[in-house]
Every structure is written in C-alpha cells, then in structure tokens.
PDB file of N, CA and C in Angstrom:
ATOM      1  N   MET A   1      16.751 -51.500 -12.605  1.00  0.00           N
ATOM      2  CA  MET A   1      16.829 -50.268 -11.854  1.00  0.00           C
ATOM      3  C   MET A   1      16.975 -50.556 -10.371  1.00  0.00           C
ATOM      4  N   GLN A   2      16.204 -51.489  -9.858  1.00  0.00           N
ATOM      5  CA  GLN A   2      16.279 -51.870  -8.450  1.00  0.00           C
ATOM      6  C   GLN A   2      17.636 -52.492  -8.124  1.00  0.00           C
ATOM      7  N   GLN A   3      18.152 -53.289  -9.052  1.00  0.00           N
ATOM      8  CA  GLN A   3      19.452 -53.943  -8.846  1.00  0.00           C
ATOM      9  C   GLN A   3      20.574 -52.902  -8.757  1.00  0.00           C
ATOM     10  N   LYS A   4      20.542 -51.901  -9.619  1.00  0.00           N
ATOM     11  CA  LYS A   4      21.549 -50.846  -9.591  1.00  0.00           C
ATOM     12  C   LYS A   4      21.483 -50.064  -8.285  1.00  0.00           C
ATOM     13  N   LEU A   5      20.276 -49.805  -7.802  1.00  0.00           N
ATOM     14  CA  LEU A   5      20.099 -49.091  -6.542  1.00  0.00           C
ATOM     15  C   LEU A   5      20.666 -49.910  -5.381  1.00  0.00           C
ATOM     16  N   ASN A   6      20.369 -51.217  -5.371  1.00  0.00           N
ATOM     17  CA  ASN A   6      20.899 -52.094  -4.325  1.00  0.00           C
ATOM     18  C   ASN A   6      22.429 -52.133  -4.368  1.00  0.00           C
ATOM     19  N   ASN A   7      22.979 -52.253  -5.567  1.00  0.00           N
ATOM     20  CA  ASN A   7      24.445 -52.267  -5.700  1.00  0.00           C
ATOM     21  C   ASN A   7      25.057 -50.952  -5.231  1.00  0.00           C
ATOM     22  N   THR A   8      24.430 -49.842  -5.570  1.00  0.00           N
ATOM     23  CA  THR A   8      24.925 -48.533  -5.158  1.00  0.00           C
ATOM     24  C   THR A   8      24.885 -48.394  -3.645  1.00  0.00           C
ATOM     25  N   ILE A   9      23.803 -48.826  -3.037  1.00  0.00           N
ATOM     26  CA  ILE A   9      23.682 -48.750  -1.577  1.00  0.00           C
ATOM     27  C   ILE A   9      24.740 -49.625  -0.908  1.00  0.00           C
ATOM     28  N   ILE A  10      24.936 -50.820  -1.427  1.00  0.00           N
ATOM     29  CA  ILE A  10      25.949 -51.719  -0.867  1.00  0.00           C
ATOM     30  C   ILE A  10      27.340 -51.095  -0.987  1.00  0.00           C
ATOM     31  N   ILE A  11      27.641 -50.512  -2.124  1.00  0.00           N
ATOM     32  CA  ILE A  11      28.950 -49.880  -2.325  1.00  0.00           C
ATOM     33  C   ILE A  11      29.136 -48.712  -1.354  1.00  0.00           C
ATOM     34  N   VAL A  12      28.100 -47.911  -1.179  1.00  0.00           N
ATOM     35  CA  VAL A  12      28.183 -46.770  -0.251  1.00  0.00           C
ATOM     36  C   VAL A  12      28.439 -47.268   1.165  1.00  0.00           C
ATOM     37  N   PHE A  13      27.727 -48.289   1.605  1.00  0.00           N
ATOM     38  CA  PHE A  13      27.937 -48.812   2.952  1.00  0.00           C
ATOM     39  C   PHE A  13      29.328 -49.416   3.116  1.00  0.00           C
ATOM     40  N   LEU A  14      29.809 -50.122   2.101  1.00  0.00           N
ATOM     41  CA  LEU A  14      31.156 -50.686   2.185  1.00  0.00           C
ATOM     42  C   LEU A  14      32.230 -49.593   2.269  1.00  0.00           C
ATOM     43  N   VAL A  15      32.042 -48.566   1.487  1.00  0.00           N
ATOM     44  CA  VAL A  15      33.003 -47.457   1.529  1.00  0.00           C
ATOM     45  C   VAL A  15      32.981 -46.795   2.898  1.00  0.00           C
ATOM     46  N   LEU A  16      31.786 -46.557   3.429  1.00  0.00           N
ATOM     47  CA  LEU A  16      31.689 -45.941   4.748  1.00  0.00           C
ATOM     48  C   LEU A  16      32.277 -46.840   5.829  1.00  0.00           C
ATOM     49  N   PHE A  17      32.020 -48.130   5.756  1.00  0.00           N
ATOM     50  CA  PHE A  17      32.546 -49.056   6.756  1.00  0.00           C
ATOM     51  C   PHE A  17      34.068 -49.093   6.720  1.00  0.00           C
ATOM     52  N   CYS A  18      34.634 -49.147   5.523  1.00  0.00           N
ATOM     53  CA  CYS A  18      36.099 -49.181   5.405  1.00  0.00           C
ATOM     54  C   CYS A  18      36.714 -47.885   5.916  1.00  0.00           C
ATOM     55  N   ASN A  19      36.102 -46.771   5.620  1.00  0.00           N
ATOM     56  CA  ASN A  19      36.637 -45.492   6.074  1.00  0.00           C
ATOM     57  C   ASN A  19      36.519 -45.330   7.576  1.00  0.00           C
ATOM     58  N   THR A  20      35.467 -45.863   8.176  1.00  0.00           N
ATOM     59  CA  THR A  20      35.338 -45.726   9.627  1.00  0.00           C
ATOM     60  C   THR A  20      36.410 -46.535  10.339  1.00  0.00           C
ATOM     61  N   SER A  21      36.809 -47.666   9.804  1.00  0.00           N
ATOM     62  CA  SER A  21      37.875 -48.430  10.448  1.00  0.00           C
ATOM     63  C   SER A  21      39.204 -47.686  10.319  1.00  0.00           C
ATOM     64  N   VAL A  22      39.423 -47.013   9.192  1.00  0.00           N
ATOM     65  CA  VAL A  22      40.642 -46.210   9.031  1.00  0.00           C
ATOM     66  C   VAL A  22      40.615 -45.025   9.972  1.00  0.00           C
ATOM     67  N   ILE A  23      39.470 -44.373  10.071  1.00  0.00           N
ATOM     68  CA  ILE A  23      39.339 -43.226  10.976  1.00  0.00           C
ATOM     69  C   ILE A  23      39.522 -43.671  12.414  1.00  0.00           C
ATOM     70  N   ALA A  24      38.969 -44.814  12.785  1.00  0.00           N
ATOM     71  CA  ALA A  24      39.130 -45.317  14.143  1.00  0.00           C
ATOM     72  C   ALA A  24      40.597 -45.604  14.435  1.00  0.00           C
ATOM     73  N   ALA A  25      41.315 -46.154  13.481  1.00  0.00           N
ATOM     74  CA  ALA A  25      42.746 -46.411  13.686  1.00  0.00           C
ATOM     75  C   ALA A  25      43.498 -45.101  13.854  1.00  0.00           C
ATOM     76  N   ASN A  26      43.161 -44.084  13.052  1.00  0.00           N
ATOM     77  CA  ASN A  26      43.804 -42.774  13.191  1.00  0.00           C
ATOM     78  C   ASN A  26      43.496 -42.146  14.534  1.00  0.00           C
ATOM     79  N   ASN A  27      42.248 -42.297  15.011  1.00  0.00           N
ATOM     80  CA  ASN A  27      41.884 -41.747  16.312  1.00  0.00           C
ATOM     81  C   ASN A  27      42.677 -42.407  17.422  1.00  0.00           C
ATOM     82  N   LYS A  28      42.922 -43.710  17.316  1.00  0.00           N
ATOM     83  CA  LYS A  28      43.690 -44.404  18.344  1.00  0.00           C
ATOM     84  C   LYS A  28      45.121 -43.885  18.367  1.00  0.00           C
ATOM     85  N   ILE A  29      45.684 -43.684  17.178  1.00  0.00           N
ATOM     86  CA  ILE A  29      47.037 -43.135  17.103  1.00  0.00           C
ATOM     87  C   ILE A  29      47.060 -41.729  17.676  1.00  0.00           C
ATOM     88  N   GLN A  30      46.052 -40.931  17.354  1.00  0.00           N
ATOM     89  CA  GLN A  30      45.997 -39.577  17.868  1.00  0.00           C
ATOM     90  C   GLN A  30      45.825 -39.562  19.374  1.00  0.00           C
ATOM     91  N   LEU A  31      45.034 -40.466  19.908  1.00  0.00           N
ATOM     92  CA  LEU A  31      44.856 -40.532  21.359  1.00  0.00           C
ATOM     93  C   LEU A  31      46.161 -40.899  22.045  1.00  0.00           C
ATOM     94  N   ASN A  32      46.929 -41.804  21.444  1.00  0.00           N
ATOM     95  CA  ASN A  32      48.223 -42.146  22.024  1.00  0.00           C
ATOM     96  C   ASN A  32      49.163 -40.944  21.983  1.00  0.00           C
ATOM     97  N   ASP A  33      49.126 -40.172  20.891  1.00  0.00           N
ATOM     98  CA  ASP A  33      49.953 -38.971  20.802  1.00  0.00           C
ATOM     99  C   ASP A  33      49.557 -37.953  21.860  1.00  0.00           C
ATOM    100  N   VAL A  34      48.265 -37.781  22.052  1.00  0.00           N
ATOM    101  CA  VAL A  34      47.783 -36.839  23.067  1.00  0.00           C
ATOM    102  C   VAL A  34      48.224 -37.293  24.448  1.00  0.00           C
ATOM    103  N   LYS A  35      48.104 -38.593  24.717  1.00  0.00           N
ATOM    104  CA  LYS A  35      48.504 -39.118  26.020  1.00  0.00           C
ATOM    105  C   LYS A  35      49.990 -38.881  26.253  1.00  0.00           C
ATOM    106  N   ASN A  36      50.812 -39.147  25.241  1.00  0.00           N
ATOM    107  CA  ASN A  36      52.251 -38.931  25.385  1.00  0.00           C
ATOM    108  C   ASN A  36      52.568 -37.452  25.574  1.00  0.00           C
ATOM    109  N   ASN A  37      51.859 -36.587  24.865  1.00  0.00           N
ATOM    110  CA  ASN A  37      52.086 -35.155  25.021  1.00  0.00           C
ATOM    111  C   ASN A  37      51.722 -34.673  26.416  1.00  0.00           C
ATOM    112  N   VAL A  38      50.636 -35.205  26.958  1.00  0.00           N
ATOM    113  CA  VAL A  38      50.228 -34.813  28.308  1.00  0.00           C
ATOM    114  C   VAL A  38      51.271 -35.277  29.326  1.00  0.00           C
ATOM    115  N   TYR A  39      51.791 -36.470  29.156  1.00  0.00           N
ATOM    116  CA  TYR A  39      52.797 -36.959  30.087  1.00  0.00           C
ATOM    117  C   TYR A  39      54.107 -36.168  29.984  1.00  0.00           C
ATOM    118  N   ASN A  40      54.384 -35.607  28.809  1.00  0.00           N
ATOM    119  CA  ASN A  40      55.644 -34.902  28.599  1.00  0.00           C
ATOM    120  C   ASN A  40      55.522 -33.386  28.746  1.00  0.00           C
ATOM    121  N   ILE A  41      54.399 -32.901  29.261  1.00  0.00           N
ATOM    122  CA  ILE A  41      54.192 -31.455  29.366  1.00  0.00           C
ATOM    123  C   ILE A  41      55.258 -30.815  30.250  1.00  0.00           C
ATOM    124  N   LYS A  42      55.520 -31.398  31.402  1.00  0.00           N
ATOM    125  CA  LYS A  42      56.473 -30.798  32.337  1.00  0.00           C
ATOM    126  C   LYS A  42      57.851 -30.677  31.690  1.00  0.00           C
ATOM    127  N   GLU A  43      58.285 -31.736  31.040  1.00  0.00           N
ATOM    128  CA  GLU A  43      59.598 -31.727  30.388  1.00  0.00           C
ATOM    129  C   GLU A  43      59.624 -30.740  29.227  1.00  0.00           C
ATOM    130  N   ASN A  44      58.568 -30.705  28.438  1.00  0.00           N
ATOM    131  CA  ASN A  44      58.522 -29.803  27.287  1.00  0.00           C
ATOM    132  C   ASN A  44      58.508 -28.343  27.724  1.00  0.00           C
ATOM    133  N   ILE A  45      57.768 -28.040  28.778  1.00  0.00           N
ATOM    134  CA  ILE A  45      57.717 -26.660  29.260  1.00  0.00           C
ATOM    135  C   ILE A  45      59.061 -26.236  29.809  1.00  0.00           C
ATOM    136  N   SER A  46      59.720 -27.118  30.551  1.00  0.00           N
ATOM    137  CA  SER A  46      61.028 -26.745  31.101  1.00  0.00           C
ATOM    138  C   SER A  46      62.053 -26.541  29.983  1.00  0.00           C
ATOM    139  N   LYS A  47      61.995 -27.362  28.937  1.00  0.00           N
ATOM    140  CA  LYS A  47      62.896 -27.160  27.792  1.00  0.00           C
ATOM    141  C   LYS A  47      62.605 -25.837  27.101  1.00  0.00           C
ATOM    142  N   TRP A  48      61.320 -25.532  26.928  1.00  0.00           N
ATOM    143  CA  TRP A  48      60.930 -24.301  26.258  1.00  0.00           C
ATOM    144  C   TRP A  48      61.395 -23.081  27.056  1.00  0.00           C
ATOM    145  N   ILE A  49      61.191 -23.103  28.384  1.00  0.00           N
ATOM    146  CA  ILE A  49      61.620 -21.985  29.231  1.00  0.00           C
ATOM    147  C   ILE A  49      63.132 -21.828  29.168  1.00  0.00           C
ATOM    148  N   ASN A  50      63.850 -22.930  29.218  1.00  0.00           N
ATOM    149  CA  ASN A  50      65.308 -22.885  29.144  1.00  0.00           C
ATOM    150  C   ASN A  50      65.767 -22.298  27.809  1.00  0.00           C
ATOM    151  N   ASN A  51      65.160 -22.726  26.710  1.00  0.00           N
ATOM    152  CA  ASN A  51      65.516 -22.194  25.390  1.00  0.00           C
ATOM    153  C   ASN A  51      65.195 -20.704  25.289  1.00  0.00           C
ATOM    154  N   GLU A  52      64.051 -20.298  25.810  1.00  0.00           N
ATOM    155  CA  GLU A  52      63.685 -18.879  25.776  1.00  0.00           C
ATOM    156  C   GLU A  52      64.650 -18.051  26.619  1.00  0.00           C
ATOM    157  N   TRP A  53      65.089 -18.604  27.749  1.00  0.00           N
ATOM    158  CA  TRP A  53      66.050 -17.904  28.598  1.00  0.00           C
ATOM    159  C   TRP A  53      67.345 -17.659  27.828  1.00  0.00           C
ATOM    160  N   HIS A  54      67.846 -18.687  27.170  1.00  0.00           N
ATOM    161  CA  HIS A  54      69.091 -18.551  26.414  1.00  0.00           C
ATOM    162  C   HIS A  54      68.929 -17.573  25.244  1.00  0.00           C
ATOM    163  N   LYS A  55      67.793 -17.612  24.580  1.00  0.00           N
ATOM    164  CA  LYS A  55      67.547 -16.656  23.493  1.00  0.00           C
ATOM    165  C   LYS A  55      67.535 -15.225  24.023  1.00  0.00           C
ATOM    166  N   THR A  56      66.900 -15.026  25.187  1.00  0.00           N
ATOM    167  CA  THR A  56      66.833 -13.694  25.787  1.00  0.00           C
ATOM    168  C   THR A  56      68.218 -13.202  26.174  1.00  0.00           C
ATOM    169  N   VAL A  57      69.024 -14.079  26.748  1.00  0.00           N
ATOM    170  CA  VAL A  57      70.384 -13.701  27.143  1.00  0.00           C
ATOM    171  C   VAL A  57      71.189 -13.293  25.911  1.00  0.00           C
ATOM    172  N   GLU A  58      71.099 -14.063  24.841  1.00  0.00           N
ATOM    173  CA  GLU A  58      71.828 -13.725  23.611  1.00  0.00           C
ATOM    174  C   GLU A  58      71.329 -12.408  23.025  1.00  0.00           C
ATOM    175  N   TYR A  59      70.018 -12.185  23.054  1.00  0.00           N
ATOM    176  CA  TYR A  59      69.452 -10.939  22.535  1.00  0.00           C
ATOM    177  C   TYR A  59      69.958  -9.752  23.347  1.00  0.00           C
ATOM    178  N   GLN A  60      70.004  -9.901  24.677  1.00  0.00           N
ATOM    179  CA  GLN A  60      70.487  -8.818  25.531  1.00  0.00           C
ATOM    180  C   GLN A  60      71.974  -8.559  25.314  1.00  0.00           C
ATOM    181  N   LYS A  61      72.763  -9.613  25.114  1.00  0.00           N
ATOM    182  CA  LYS A  61      74.186  -9.429  24.830  1.00  0.00           C
ATOM    183  C   LYS A  61      74.382  -8.654  23.538  1.00  0.00           C
ATOM    184  N   ASP A  62      73.634  -9.021  22.503  1.00  0.00           N
ATOM    185  CA  ASP A  62      73.731  -8.318  21.220  1.00  0.00           C
ATOM    186  C   ASP A  62      73.325  -6.858  21.372  1.00  0.00           C
ATOM    187  N   GLY A  63      72.253  -6.610  22.097  1.00  0.00           N
ATOM    188  CA  GLY A  63      71.799  -5.234  22.323  1.00  0.00           C
ATOM    189  C   GLY A  63      72.824  -4.424  23.090  1.00  0.00           C
ATOM    190  N   PHE A  64      73.444  -5.032  24.100  1.00  0.00           N
ATOM    191  CA  PHE A  64      74.451  -4.342  24.893  1.00  0.00           C
ATOM    192  C   PHE A  64      75.674  -4.021  24.036  1.00  0.00           C
ATOM    193  N   ASN A  65      76.091  -4.971  23.204  1.00  0.00           N
ATOM    194  CA  ASN A  65      77.238  -4.729  22.327  1.00  0.00           C
ATOM    195  C   ASN A  65      76.941  -3.620  21.321  1.00  0.00           C
ATOM    196  N   GLN A  66      75.747  -3.617  20.769  1.00  0.00           N
ATOM    197  CA  GLN A  66      75.381  -2.552  19.834  1.00  0.00           C
ATOM    198  C   GLN A  66      75.336  -1.203  20.533  1.00  0.00           C
ATOM    199  N   MET A  67      74.859  -1.192  21.768  1.00  0.00           N
ATOM    200  CA  MET A  67      74.815   0.042  22.542  1.00  0.00           C
ATOM    201  C   MET A  67      76.229   0.560  22.812  1.00  0.00           C
ATOM    202  N   LYS A  68      77.155  -0.349  23.132  1.00  0.00           N
ATOM    203  CA  LYS A  68      78.541   0.057  23.371  1.00  0.00           C
ATOM    204  C   LYS A  68      79.161   0.653  22.105  1.00  0.00           C
ATOM    205  N   ILE A  69      78.926   0.014  20.975  1.00  0.00           N
ATOM    206  CA  ILE A  69      79.465   0.506  19.699  1.00  0.00           C
ATOM    207  C   ILE A  69      78.881   1.885  19.384  1.00  0.00           C
ATOM    208  N   GLN A  70      77.579   2.048  19.577  1.00  0.00           N
ATOM    209  CA  GLN A  70      76.933   3.334  19.308  1.00  0.00           C
ATOM    210  C   GLN A  70      77.476   4.413  20.246  1.00  0.00           C
ATOM    211  N   THR A  71      77.696   4.065  21.514  1.00  0.00           N
ATOM    212  CA  THR A  71      78.246   5.023  22.473  1.00  0.00           C
ATOM    213  C   THR A  71      79.642   5.463  22.063  1.00  0.00           C
ATOM    214  N   GLU A  72      80.471   4.515  21.649  1.00  0.00           N
ATOM    215  CA  GLU A  72      81.824   4.860  21.192  1.00  0.00           C
ATOM    216  C   GLU A  72      81.776   5.751  19.957  1.00  0.00           C
ATOM    217  N   ASN A  73      80.882   5.450  19.016  1.00  0.00           N
ATOM    218  CA  ASN A  73      80.753   6.280  17.818  1.00  0.00           C
ATOM    219  C   ASN A  73      80.283   7.694  18.168  1.00  0.00           C
ATOM    220  N   ASN A  74      79.336   7.792  19.113  1.00  0.00           N
ATOM    221  CA  ASN A  74      78.870   9.115  19.548  1.00  0.00           C
ATOM    222  C   ASN A  74      79.985   9.891  20.245  1.00  0.00           C
ATOM    223  N   LYS A  75      80.750   9.185  21.054  1.00  0.00           N
ATOM    224  CA  LYS A  75      81.862   9.820  21.764  1.00  0.00           C
ATOM    225  C   LYS A  75      82.887  10.355  20.766  1.00  0.00           C
ATOM    226  N   LYS A  76      83.229   9.555  19.764  1.00  0.00           N
ATOM    227  CA  LYS A  76      84.177   9.993  18.734  1.00  0.00           C
ATOM    228  C   LYS A  76      83.630  11.191  17.968  1.00  0.00           C
ATOM    229  N   ALA A  77      82.326  11.183  17.675  1.00  0.00           N
ATOM    230  CA  ALA A  77      81.716  12.296  16.939  1.00  0.00           C
ATOM    231  C   ALA A  77      81.744  13.573  17.766  1.00  0.00           C
ATOM    232  N   ILE A  78      81.481  13.470  19.069  1.00  0.00           N
ATOM    233  CA  ILE A  78      81.506  14.655  19.940  1.00  0.00           C
ATOM    234  C   ILE A  78      82.936  15.195  20.049  1.00  0.00           C
ATOM    235  N   ILE A  79      83.892  14.302  20.226  1.00  0.00           N
ATOM    236  CA  ILE A  79      85.295  14.733  20.303  1.00  0.00           C
ATOM    237  C   ILE A  79      85.706  15.418  19.009  1.00  0.00           C
ATOM    238  N   LYS A  80      85.303  14.852  17.891  1.00  0.00           N
ATOM    239  CA  LYS A  80      85.640  15.439  16.583  1.00  0.00           C
ATOM    240  C   LYS A  80      84.971  16.789  16.402  1.00  0.00           C
ATOM    241  N   LEU A  81      83.758  16.956  16.943  1.00  0.00           N
ATOM    242  CA  LEU A  81      83.034  18.206  16.827  1.00  0.00           C
ATOM    243  C   LEU A  81      83.700  19.326  17.616  1.00  0.00           C
ATOM    244  N   PHE A  82      84.185  19.009  18.830  1.00  0.00           N
ATOM    245  CA  PHE A  82      84.805  20.025  19.661  1.00  0.00           C
ATOM    246  C   PHE A  82      86.287  20.193  19.402  1.00  0.00           C
ATOM    247  N   ASN A  83      86.911  19.254  18.750  1.00  0.00           N
ATOM    248  CA  ASN A  83      88.326  19.363  18.397  1.00  0.00           C
ATOM    249  C   ASN A  83      88.499  19.169  16.893  1.00  0.00           C
ATOM    250  N   PRO A  84      88.109  20.137  16.099  1.00  0.00           N
ATOM    251  CA  PRO A  84      88.155  19.943  14.644  1.00  0.00           C
ATOM    252  C   PRO A  84      89.570  19.850  14.085  1.00  0.00           C
ATOM    253  N   LEU A  85      90.565  20.300  14.820  1.00  0.00           N
ATOM    254  CA  LEU A  85      91.915  20.298  14.322  1.00  0.00           C
ATOM    255  C   LEU A  85      92.618  18.958  14.515  1.00  0.00           C
ATOM    256  N   LYS A  86      92.100  18.136  15.370  1.00  0.00           N
ATOM    257  CA  LYS A  86      92.771  16.849  15.654  1.00  0.00           C
ATOM    258  C   LYS A  86      92.363  15.772  14.714  1.00  0.00           C
TER     259      LYS A  86
END
C-alpha cells in the first residue's frame, strides 16, 4: 500500500513537472507574440484605419448609386402619374 502511494505521488510530480516545462515554453512563445504585437501597433492601426476608410468610401458610393436609381424611378413614376397618356 505504501509502495503504491509512493509510486502515485512520483507519477503526479513527474506529470506536473513535465507540464510546467511545456507551459513555460508556451508562455515564452506568447510573450514573444505580445512583444511583436506591441511593436507593430502603429503599423497595424494605420492599416486598419486605411482599410476602414476604403470600406466607408465604397459603402458611400453604393449608397449614392442606390439613391440615384431610386430618384430616377421616383421621377419616372411622377411623370407617369401626371402624364397617363404618354
């Protein structure tokens, strides 16, 4: 019974030790990623703002074109309403 307990404790400690070295390696990789992200903040923000600007311009162009089409359709409907013979 004592031998099984000792073996179990040893196995638990070995598992924990192996996992902590893996976790430590992952933390180092994550710290490097964080460091790189912090250094690239200015570039990433400028890219994001530029992309959002272009998306906004395209959205406004689409809205303006739809507005023009709707205006033409309304104009045709009004003309048709007041000139039913044409």
